[in-house]
C-alpha atoms as a PDB file:
ATOM      1  CA  UNK A   1     -45.841  -3.825 -24.452  1.00  0.00           C
ATOM      2  CA  UNK A   2     -46.075  -1.708 -20.749  1.00  0.00           C
ATOM      3  CA  UNK A   3     -47.803   1.567 -19.812  1.00  0.00           C
ATOM      4  CA  UNK A   4     -46.359   3.539 -18.821  1.00  0.00           C
ATOM      5  CA  UNK A   5     -48.317   6.604 -16.496  1.00  0.00           C
ATOM      6  CA  UNK A   6     -46.556  10.033 -14.930  1.00  0.00           C
ATOM      7  CA  UNK A   7     -48.222  11.154 -12.142  1.00  0.00           C
ATOM      8  CA  UNK A   8     -47.609  14.843 -12.620  1.00  0.00           C
ATOM      9  CA  UNK A   9     -48.757  18.056 -10.774  1.00  0.00           C
ATOM     10  CA  UNK A  10     -46.092  21.634 -10.287  1.00  0.00           C
ATOM     11  CA  UNK A  11     -48.190  21.556  -6.657  1.00  0.00           C
ATOM     12  CA  UNK A  12     -47.050  19.528  -3.644  1.00  0.00           C
ATOM     13  CA  UNK A  13     -48.234  17.950  -1.167  1.00  0.00           C
ATOM     14  CA  UNK A  14     -51.364  16.596  -3.611  1.00  0.00           C
ATOM     15  CA  UNK A  15     -50.525  12.770  -2.873  1.00  0.00           C
ATOM     16  CA  UNK A  16     -47.998  12.006  -5.813  1.00  0.00           C
ATOM     17  CA  UNK A  17     -46.022  10.431  -3.742  1.00  0.00           C
ATOM     18  CA  UNK A  18     -48.371   8.422  -1.641  1.00  0.00           C
ATOM     19  CA  UNK A  19     -50.138   8.075  -5.637  1.00  0.00           C
ATOM     20  CA  UNK A  20     -46.946   6.012  -7.454  1.00  0.00           C
ATOM     21  CA  UNK A  21     -46.462   3.972  -4.131  1.00  0.00           C
ATOM     22  CA  UNK A  22     -49.452   3.070  -2.774  1.00  0.00           C
ATOM     23  CA  UNK A  23     -51.160   2.241  -6.235  1.00  0.00           C
ATOM     24  CA  UNK A  24     -47.581   0.374  -7.889  1.00  0.00           C
ATOM     25  CA  UNK A  25     -48.755  -1.890  -4.570  1.00  0.00           C
ATOM     26  CA  UNK A  26     -52.251  -2.459  -5.777  1.00  0.00           C
ATOM     27  CA  UNK A  27     -51.637  -3.386  -9.353  1.00  0.00           C
ATOM     28  CA  UNK A  28     -48.952  -5.696  -8.346  1.00  0.00           C
ATOM     29  CA  UNK A  29     -50.709  -7.322  -5.853  1.00  0.00           C
ATOM     30  CA  UNK A  30     -53.117  -7.711  -8.487  1.00  0.00           C
ATOM     31  CA  UNK A  31     -50.930  -9.207 -10.889  1.00  0.00           C
ATOM     32  CA  UNK A  32     -49.699  -6.623 -12.447  1.00  0.00           C
ATOM     33  CA  UNK A  33     -46.074  -6.387 -13.088  1.00  0.00           C
ATOM     34  CA  UNK A  34     -45.292  -2.705 -12.395  1.00  0.00           C
ATOM     35  CA  UNK A  35     -42.218  -0.867 -12.253  1.00  0.00           C
ATOM     36  CA  UNK A  36     -41.816   2.513  -9.771  1.00  0.00           C
ATOM     37  CA  UNK A  37     -39.607   5.352 -11.755  1.00  0.00           C
ATOM     38  CA  UNK A  38     -38.755   8.329  -8.761  1.00  0.00           C
ATOM     39  CA  UNK A  39     -37.337  11.934 -10.860  1.00  0.00           C
ATOM     40  CA  UNK A  40     -38.162  14.027  -8.135  1.00  0.00           C
ATOM     41  CA  UNK A  41     -34.696  14.854  -6.549  1.00  0.00           C
ATOM     42  CA  UNK A  42     -36.396  14.409  -2.999  1.00  0.00           C
ATOM     43  CA  UNK A  43     -36.536  10.584  -3.015  1.00  0.00           C
ATOM     44  CA  UNK A  44     -38.905  10.540  -1.556  1.00  0.00           C
ATOM     45  CA  UNK A  45     -40.222   6.807  -3.595  1.00  0.00           C
ATOM     46  CA  UNK A  46     -36.821   5.335  -1.407  1.00  0.00           C
ATOM     47  CA  UNK A  47     -38.361   6.284   1.381  1.00  0.00           C
ATOM     48  CA  UNK A  48     -40.959   4.630   0.981  1.00  0.00           C
ATOM     49  CA  UNK A  49     -39.755   1.352   0.764  1.00  0.00           C
ATOM     50  CA  UNK A  50     -37.588   1.388   3.323  1.00  0.00           C
ATOM     51  CA  UNK A  51     -34.152   2.545   0.845  1.00  0.00           C
ATOM     52  CA  UNK A  52     -31.387   4.714   2.374  1.00  0.00           C
ATOM     53  CA  UNK A  53     -28.677   6.303   0.894  1.00  0.00           C
ATOM     54  CA  UNK A  54     -25.736   3.104   0.961  1.00  0.00           C
ATOM     55  CA  UNK A  55     -29.006   0.726   0.450  1.00  0.00           C
ATOM     56  CA  UNK A  56     -28.982   2.036  -3.317  1.00  0.00           C
ATOM     57  CA  UNK A  57     -26.669   1.135  -6.196  1.00  0.00           C
ATOM     58  CA  UNK A  58     -27.938   3.078  -8.354  1.00  0.00           C
ATOM     59  CA  UNK A  59     -30.790   5.295  -9.273  1.00  0.00           C
ATOM     60  CA  UNK A  60     -32.533   8.556 -11.593  1.00  0.00           C
ATOM     61  CA  UNK A  61     -29.242   9.763 -11.414  1.00  0.00           C
ATOM     62  CA  UNK A  62     -27.145   7.432 -13.281  1.00  0.00           C
ATOM     63  CA  UNK A  63     -29.472   7.593 -15.869  1.00  0.00           C
ATOM     64  CA  UNK A  64     -29.573  10.683 -16.348  1.00  0.00           C
ATOM     65  CA  UNK A  65     -26.302  11.960 -15.899  1.00  0.00           C
ATOM     66  CA  UNK A  66     -24.037   8.362 -17.237  1.00  0.00           C
ATOM     67  CA  UNK A  67     -26.409   7.208 -19.873  1.00  0.00           C
ATOM     68  CA  UNK A  68     -26.586   4.182 -17.179  1.00  0.00           C
ATOM     69  CA  UNK A  69     -28.797   1.761 -18.823  1.00  0.00           C
ATOM     70  CA  UNK A  70     -32.636   2.014 -16.886  1.00  0.00           C
ATOM     71  CA  UNK A  71     -32.042  -2.033 -15.652  1.00  0.00           C
ATOM     72  CA  UNK A  72     -29.075  -1.627 -14.108  1.00  0.00           C
ATOM     73  CA  UNK A  73     -30.558   0.543 -11.823  1.00  0.00           C
ATOM     74  CA  UNK A  74     -34.244  -1.127 -11.518  1.00  0.00           C
ATOM     75  CA  UNK A  75     -34.416  -2.669  -7.414  1.00  0.00           C
ATOM     76  CA  UNK A  76     -36.599  -5.301  -6.068  1.00  0.00           C
ATOM     77  CA  UNK A  77     -39.138  -5.041  -3.166  1.00  0.00           C
ATOM     78  CA  UNK A  78     -40.920  -7.137  -1.178  1.00  0.00           C
ATOM     79  CA  UNK A  79     -43.820  -6.636  -3.578  1.00  0.00           C
ATOM     80  CA  UNK A  80     -43.884  -9.380  -5.775  1.00  0.00           C
ATOM     81  CA  UNK A  81     -44.618  -7.671  -9.377  1.00  0.00           C
ATOM     82  CA  UNK A  82     -43.467  -4.552  -8.291  1.00  0.00           C
ATOM     83  CA  UNK A  83     -39.762  -2.472  -8.634  1.00  0.00           C
ATOM     84  CA  UNK A  84     -38.235   0.531  -8.513  1.00  0.00           C
ATOM     85  CA  UNK A  85     -35.923   3.066 -10.019  1.00  0.00           C
ATOM     86  CA  UNK A  86     -35.099   4.974  -7.054  1.00  0.00           C
ATOM     87  CA  UNK A  87     -33.650   8.769  -7.450  1.00  0.00           C
ATOM     88  CA  UNK A  88     -30.672   9.114  -5.240  1.00  0.00           C
ATOM     89  CA  UNK A  89     -29.485  12.116  -5.489  1.00  0.00           C
ATOM     90  CA  UNK A  90     -29.630  13.706  -1.777  1.00  0.00           C
ATOM     91  CA  UNK A  91     -30.125  16.648   0.194  1.00  0.00           C
ATOM     92  CA  UNK A  92     -26.415  17.554  -0.458  1.00  0.00           C
ATOM     93  CA  UNK A  93     -26.210  17.025  -3.827  1.00  0.00           C
ATOM     94  CA  UNK A  94     -27.004  20.868  -5.367  1.00  0.00           C
ATOM     95  CA  UNK A  95     -24.582  19.814  -8.092  1.00  0.00           C
ATOM     96  CA  UNK A  96     -25.749  16.284  -9.548  1.00  0.00           C
ATOM     97  CA  UNK A  97     -29.034  17.465  -8.910  1.00  0.00           C
ATOM     98  CA  UNK A  98     -28.654  20.731 -11.389  1.00  0.00           C
ATOM     99  CA  UNK A  99     -26.831  18.419 -13.443  1.00  0.00           C
ATOM    100  CA  UNK A 100     -29.829  15.923 -13.251  1.00  0.00           C
ATOM    101  CA  UNK A 101     -32.037  18.477 -14.633  1.00  0.00           C
ATOM    102  CA  UNK A 102     -29.973  19.683 -17.357  1.00  0.00           C
ATOM    103  CA  UNK A 103     -30.294  16.255 -18.706  1.00  0.00           C
ATOM    104  CA  UNK A 104     -32.143  15.870 -22.682  1.00  0.00           C
ATOM    105  CA  UNK A 105     -35.752  15.816 -23.035  1.00  0.00           C
ATOM    106  CA  UNK A 106     -35.948  13.071 -24.227  1.00  0.00           C
ATOM    107  CA  UNK A 107     -33.423  11.286 -21.626  1.00  0.00           C
ATOM    108  CA  UNK A 108     -36.376   9.393 -19.456  1.00  0.00           C
ATOM    109  CA  UNK A 109     -38.154   8.234 -22.990  1.00  0.00           C
ATOM    110  CA  UNK A 110     -35.111   6.674 -24.175  1.00  0.00           C
ATOM    111  CA  UNK A 111     -33.968   4.647 -21.670  1.00  0.00           C
ATOM    112  CA  UNK A 112     -37.447   3.214 -20.801  1.00  0.00           C
ATOM    113  CA  UNK A 113     -38.322   2.479 -23.920  1.00  0.00           C
ATOM    114  CA  UNK A 114     -35.600  -0.312 -23.249  1.00  0.00           C
ATOM    115  CA  UNK A 115     -37.524  -2.562 -20.289  1.00  0.00           C
ATOM    116  CA  UNK A 116     -40.887  -1.236 -21.246  1.00  0.00           C
ATOM    117  CA  UNK A 117     -42.069  -4.297 -22.515  1.00  0.00           C
ATOM    118  CA  UNK A 118     -40.538  -6.203 -19.392  1.00  0.00           C
ATOM    119  CA  UNK A 119     -43.906  -4.574 -16.642  1.00  0.00           C
ATOM    120  CA  UNK A 120     -47.499  -4.210 -17.739  1.00  0.00           C
ATOM    121  CA  UNK A 121     -47.574  -0.699 -16.278  1.00  0.00           C
ATOM    122  CA  UNK A 122     -44.607   1.318 -15.193  1.00  0.00           C
ATOM    123  CA  UNK A 123     -45.400   4.843 -12.943  1.00  0.00           C
ATOM    124  CA  UNK A 124     -43.566   7.719 -12.853  1.00  0.00           C
ATOM    125  CA  UNK A 125     -43.069   9.897  -9.907  1.00  0.00           C
ATOM    126  CA  UNK A 126     -42.410  13.548 -10.627  1.00  0.00           C
ATOM    127  CA  UNK A 127     -41.298  16.673  -8.874  1.00  0.00           C
ATOM    128  CA  UNK A 128     -43.168  19.441  -7.723  1.00  0.00           C
ATOM    129  CA  UNK A 129     -42.312  21.914 -10.489  1.00  0.00           C
ATOM    130  CA  UNK A 130     -42.938  22.593 -14.195  1.00  0.00           C
ATOM    131  CA  UNK A 131     -38.863  22.061 -14.778  1.00  0.00           C
ATOM    132  CA  UNK A 132     -36.856  19.514 -17.171  1.00  0.00           C
ATOM    133  CA  UNK A 133     -37.971  16.097 -14.371  1.00  0.00           C
ATOM    134  CA  UNK A 134     -41.410  16.937 -15.710  1.00  0.00           C
ATOM    135  CA  UNK A 135     -40.363  17.219 -19.293  1.00  0.00           C
ATOM    136  CA  UNK A 136     -39.370  14.445 -19.364  1.00  0.00           C
ATOM    137  CA  UNK A 137     -41.665  12.313 -17.616  1.00  0.00           C
ATOM    138  CA  UNK A 138     -44.770  14.236 -20.295  1.00  0.00           C
ATOM    139  CA  UNK A 139     -42.519  13.652 -22.927  1.00  0.00           C
ATOM    140  CA  UNK A 140     -41.481   9.735 -21.991  1.00  0.00           C
ATOM    141  CA  UNK A 141     -45.455   9.052 -20.467  1.00  0.00           C
ATOM    142  CA  UNK A 142     -48.347   7.379 -22.340  1.00  0.00           C
ATOM    143  CA  UNK A 143     -50.981   8.753 -20.115  1.00  0.00           C
ATOM    144  CA  UNK A 144     -50.925  11.096 -17.246  1.00  0.00           C
ATOM    145  CA  UNK A 145     -52.473  11.321 -13.735  1.00  0.00           C
ATOM    146  CA  UNK A 146     -52.984  14.622 -11.392  1.00  0.00           C
ATOM    147  CA  UNK A 147     -53.705  14.393  -8.060  1.00  0.00           C
ATOM    148  CA  UNK A 148     -55.855  17.343  -6.839  1.00  0.00           C
ATOM    149  CA  UNK A 149     -55.842  18.184  -3.289  1.00  0.00           C
ATOM    150  CA  UNK A 150     -59.561  19.096  -1.983  1.00  0.00           C
ATOM    151  CA  UNK A 151     -58.944  22.966  -1.413  1.00  0.00           C
ATOM    152  CA  UNK A 152     -60.946  25.811  -2.734  1.00  0.00           C
ATOM    153  CA  UNK A 153     -58.064  26.885  -4.733  1.00  0.00           C
ATOM    154  CA  UNK A 154     -57.000  24.128  -6.600  1.00  0.00           C
ATOM    155  CA  UNK A 155     -58.633  24.417 -10.709  1.00  0.00           C
ATOM    156  CA  UNK A 156     -57.071  28.078 -10.512  1.00  0.00           C
ATOM    157  CA  UNK A 157     -53.785  25.890  -9.655  1.00  0.00           C
ATOM    158  CA  UNK A 158     -53.838  23.453 -13.076  1.00  0.00           C
ATOM    159  CA  UNK A 159     -54.211  26.271 -15.086  1.00  0.00           C
ATOM    160  CA  UNK A 160     -50.400  26.570 -15.836  1.00  0.00           C
ATOM    161  CA  UNK A 161     -50.256  22.321 -15.879  1.00  0.00           C
ATOM    162  CA  UNK A 162     -52.681  22.314 -18.238  1.00  0.00           C
ATOM    163  CA  UNK A 163     -50.908  24.413 -20.533  1.00  0.00           C
ATOM    164  CA  UNK A 164     -47.462  22.322 -20.403  1.00  0.00           C
ATOM    165  CA  UNK A 165     -49.555  19.025 -20.332  1.00  0.00           C
ATOM    166  CA  UNK A 166     -51.033  20.910 -24.337  1.00  0.00           C
ATOM    167  CA  UNK A 167     -47.472  22.317 -24.771  1.00  0.00           C
ATOM    168  CA  UNK A 168     -45.904  18.919 -24.759  1.00  0.00           C
ATOM    169  CA  UNK A 169     -48.752  17.579 -26.347  1.00  0.00           C
ATOM    170  CA  UNK A 170     -48.542  19.866 -29.062  1.00  0.00           C
ATOM    171  CA  UNK A 171     -44.596  19.716 -29.454  1.00  0.00           C
ATOM    172  CA  UNK A 172     -43.635  16.276 -28.406  1.00  0.00           C
ATOM    173  CA  UNK A 173     -45.546  14.054 -27.689  1.00  0.00           C
ATOM    174  CA  UNK A 174     -48.948  13.672 -29.601  1.00  0.00           C
ATOM    175  CA  UNK A 175     -49.802  10.532 -28.006  1.00  0.00           C
ATOM    176  CA  UNK A 176     -50.845  11.919 -24.506  1.00  0.00           C
ATOM    177  CA  UNK A 177     -53.833  11.235 -22.856  1.00  0.00           C
ATOM    178  CA  UNK A 178     -55.131  12.047 -19.753  1.00  0.00           C
ATOM    179  CA  UNK A 179     -56.055   8.629 -17.156  1.00  0.00           C
ATOM    180  CA  UNK A 180     -57.660  10.648 -15.192  1.00  0.00           C
ATOM    181  CA  UNK A 181     -57.569  12.983 -11.955  1.00  0.00           C
ATOM    182  CA  UNK A 182     -57.703  11.833  -9.107  1.00  0.00           C
ATOM    183  CA  UNK A 183     -59.159  13.464  -5.804  1.00  0.00           C
ATOM    184  CA  UNK A 184     -57.084  13.479  -2.861  1.00  0.00           C
ATOM    185  CA  UNK A 185     -57.155  14.118   1.069  1.00  0.00           C
ATOM    186  CA  UNK A 186     -60.738  14.346   0.737  1.00  0.00           C
ATOM    187  CA  UNK A 187     -62.670  14.534   3.897  1.00  0.00           C
ATOM    188  CA  UNK A 188     -66.436  14.627   3.105  1.00  0.00           C
ATOM    189  CA  UNK A 189     -67.376  15.627   6.177  1.00  0.00           C
ATOM    190  CA  UNK A 190     -66.376  19.180   5.725  1.00  0.00           C
ATOM    191  CA  UNK A 191     -68.579  21.370   3.680  1.00  0.00           C
ATOM    192  CA  UNK A 192     -66.008  22.864   1.718  1.00  0.00           C
ATOM    193  CA  UNK A 193     -64.256  19.404   0.272  1.00  0.00           C
ATOM    194  CA  UNK A 194     -67.519  18.566  -1.023  1.00  0.00           C
ATOM    195  CA  UNK A 195     -68.280  22.186  -3.051  1.00  0.00           C
ATOM    196  CA  UNK A 196     -64.772  21.768  -4.965  1.00  0.00           C
ATOM    197  CA  UNK A 197     -65.556  18.493  -5.378  1.00  0.00           C
ATOM    198  CA  UNK A 198     -68.484  19.198  -7.121  1.00  0.00           C
ATOM    199  CA  UNK A 199     -67.200  21.738  -8.719  1.00  0.00           C
ATOM    200  CA  UNK A 200     -63.993  19.726  -9.802  1.00  0.00           C
ATOM    201  CA  UNK A 201     -66.406  17.209 -11.405  1.00  0.00           C
ATOM    202  CA  UNK A 202     -68.304  20.005 -13.380  1.00  0.00           C
ATOM    203  CA  UNK A 203     -66.005  21.270 -14.690  1.00  0.00           C
ATOM    204  CA  UNK A 204     -63.154  18.308 -15.420  1.00  0.00           C
ATOM    205  CA  UNK A 205     -66.369  16.012 -15.346  1.00  0.00           C
ATOM    206  CA  UNK A 206     -64.981  12.435 -17.291  1.00  0.00           C
ATOM    207  CA  UNK A 207     -61.775  13.684 -16.622  1.00  0.00           C
ATOM    208  CA  UNK A 208     -61.830  12.935 -12.917  1.00  0.00           C
ATOM    209  CA  UNK A 209     -61.738   9.573 -11.736  1.00  0.00           C
ATOM    210  CA  UNK A 210     -64.765   7.727  -9.402  1.00  0.00           C
ATOM    211  CA  UNK A 211     -62.153   6.552  -7.268  1.00  0.00           C
ATOM    212  CA  UNK A 212     -61.456   9.582  -4.719  1.00  0.00           C
ATOM    213  CA  UNK A 213     -58.260   9.235  -2.279  1.00  0.00           C
ATOM    214  CA  UNK A 214     -59.506   9.833   1.446  1.00  0.00           C
ATOM    215  CA  UNK A 215     -57.155  11.779   4.195  1.00  0.00           C
ATOM    216  CA  UNK A 216     -56.232   8.675   6.078  1.00  0.00           C
ATOM    217  CA  UNK A 217     -53.247   9.160   8.434  1.00  0.00           C
ATOM    218  CA  UNK A 218     -52.111   4.846   6.646  1.00  0.00           C
ATOM    219  CA  UNK A 219     -51.043   6.170   4.451  1.00  0.00           C
ATOM    220  CA  UNK A 220     -49.206   8.998   6.131  1.00  0.00           C
ATOM    221  CA  UNK A 221     -47.803   6.408   7.909  1.00  0.00           C
ATOM    222  CA  UNK A 222     -46.161   5.420   5.183  1.00  0.00           C
ATOM    223  CA  UNK A 223     -42.850   6.643   5.211  1.00  0.00           C
ATOM    224  CA  UNK A 224     -42.205   5.994   8.698  1.00  0.00           C
ATOM    225  CA  UNK A 225     -42.745   2.415   7.610  1.00  0.00           C
ATOM    226  CA  UNK A 226     -40.898   2.892   4.811  1.00  0.00           C
ATOM    227  CA  UNK A 227     -43.529   0.273   3.140  1.00  0.00           C
ATOM    228  CA  UNK A 228     -46.823   0.645   1.248  1.00  0.00           C
ATOM    229  CA  UNK A 229     -49.482   0.193   3.182  1.00  0.00           C
ATOM    230  CA  UNK A 230     -50.822  -2.714   2.218  1.00  0.00           C
ATOM    231  CA  UNK A 231     -47.978  -3.843   4.034  1.00  0.00           C
ATOM    232  CA  UNK A 232     -48.659  -2.712   7.066  1.00  0.00           C
ATOM    233  CA  UNK A 233     -52.892  -1.990   7.445  1.00  0.00           C
ATOM    234  CA  UNK A 234     -54.582  -4.115   4.450  1.00  0.00           C
ATOM    235  CA  UNK A 235     -58.115  -2.951   6.439  1.00  0.00           C
ATOM    236  CA  UNK A 236     -56.894   0.913   5.454  1.00  0.00           C
ATOM    237  CA  UNK A 237     -59.541   2.490   3.921  1.00  0.00           C
ATOM    238  CA  UNK A 238     -56.216   4.439   1.921  1.00  0.00           C
ATOM    239  CA  UNK A 239     -55.245   0.890   1.090  1.00  0.00           C
ATOM    240  CA  UNK A 240     -59.019  -0.080  -0.492  1.00  0.00           C
ATOM    241  CA  UNK A 241     -58.811   3.004  -1.750  1.00  0.00           C
ATOM    242  CA  UNK A 242     -55.933   2.397  -4.208  1.00  0.00           C
ATOM    243  CA  UNK A 243     -56.865  -0.651  -4.659  1.00  0.00           C
ATOM    244  CA  UNK A 244     -60.352   0.630  -6.444  1.00  0.00           C
ATOM    245  CA  UNK A 245     -58.057   3.407  -8.156  1.00  0.00           C
ATOM    246  CA  UNK A 246     -55.996   0.299  -9.788  1.00  0.00           C
ATOM    247  CA  UNK A 247     -59.370  -1.614 -10.364  1.00  0.00           C
ATOM    248  CA  UNK A 248     -60.201   1.160 -11.867  1.00  0.00           C
ATOM    249  CA  UNK A 249     -57.592   1.726 -13.882  1.00  0.00           C
ATOM    250  CA  UNK A 250     -58.224  -1.845 -15.324  1.00  0.00           C
ATOM    251  CA  UNK A 251     -60.942  -1.904 -15.463  1.00  0.00           C
ATOM    252  CA  UNK A 252     -62.247   1.459 -16.241  1.00  0.00           C
ATOM    253  CA  UNK A 253     -62.240   4.277 -19.479  1.00  0.00           C
ATOM    254  CA  UNK A 254     -60.490   6.966 -18.364  1.00  0.00           C
ATOM    255  CA  UNK A 255     -58.744   8.971 -20.670  1.00  0.00           C
ATOM    256  CA  UNK A 256     -59.238  11.721 -23.575  1.00  0.00           C
ATOM    257  CA  UNK A 257     -56.899  10.083 -26.121  1.00  0.00           C
ATOM    258  CA  UNK A 258     -54.857  12.068 -28.837  1.00  0.00           C
ATOM    259  CA  UNK A 259     -57.790  12.451 -31.307  1.00  0.00           C
ATOM    260  CA  UNK A 260     -60.059  13.634 -29.011  1.00  0.00           C
ATOM    261  CA  UNK A 261     -61.315  17.375 -29.312  1.00  0.00           C
ATOM    262  CA  UNK A 262     -60.039  18.238 -25.712  1.00  0.00           C
ATOM    263  CA  UNK A 263     -59.004  21.671 -24.964  1.00  0.00           C
ATOM    264  CA  UNK A 264     -57.503  22.871 -21.406  1.00  0.00           C
ATOM    265  CA  UNK A 265     -57.479  26.224 -20.903  1.00  0.00           C
ATOM    266  CA  UNK A 266     -57.874  29.330 -18.095  1.00  0.00           C
ATOM    267  CA  UNK A 267     -60.117  31.891 -17.932  1.00  0.00           C
ATOM    268  CA  UNK A 268     -60.892  33.759 -14.733  1.00  0.00           C
ATOM    269  CA  UNK A 269     -58.434  31.966 -12.979  1.00  0.00           C
ATOM    270  CA  UNK A 270     -60.826  28.999 -13.594  1.00  0.00           C
ATOM    271  CA  UNK A 271     -59.857  26.193 -15.740  1.00  0.00           C
ATOM    272  CA  UNK A 272     -62.611  24.817 -18.078  1.00  0.00           C
ATOM    273  CA  UNK A 273     -62.390  22.034 -20.239  1.00  0.00           C
ATOM    274  CA  UNK A 274     -64.125  22.147 -24.117  1.00  0.00           C
END
């Protein structure tokens, strides 16, 4: 049975889609059958694989609003072992976005149960919000990767999100666990970045992945090329980082299980793990 991993944060621009696309490609290159599911109406996953509006026969819109079996929305990519269910809600489809966001909270979980035995990993790209689509992803997921941009207010911004995760665990998905917090857009030449990293690792301790994702122009060029960075520059630092992350997920020991005594709360604007 495949593991479903939600990549989520309420903040935009922290590297959720970049992580889903390039981690998915890395896992596939390591021989793992991987499915990427985009529940973000911005549709950046489709762009990252060169899919335009008329290349998508069906996507998460039909899964959420028309009860389409998710298997019928799966698209192959040029990477062996890597498939995609794209988001097909476009900028002029405000009514469709609203319909998708109004779906039952268990809609995605029920849809993915049909295909989870076909894959080793299913990665969910979440929108930068705490709305119904993110709730759907958290309820469907076995585990959670939280990208954290290396900036001063990163921990403060995490507080509300971690409370939501704790609420979902208590009410809908008691087995949800943290795969890890992923430090992104890292520039170790910056003194402030190093201080933020130290603070995050001190606060979240073993929940933080060893792998850090550097600020790398090749990762930013993925939408331009319409393919994961591993396909156009295997030597890029960002590609190497996501390959390390994939191996850390496969062979490491990150994550907090449902039976642990993990507690998270926000106090004085700071996230603390006790």
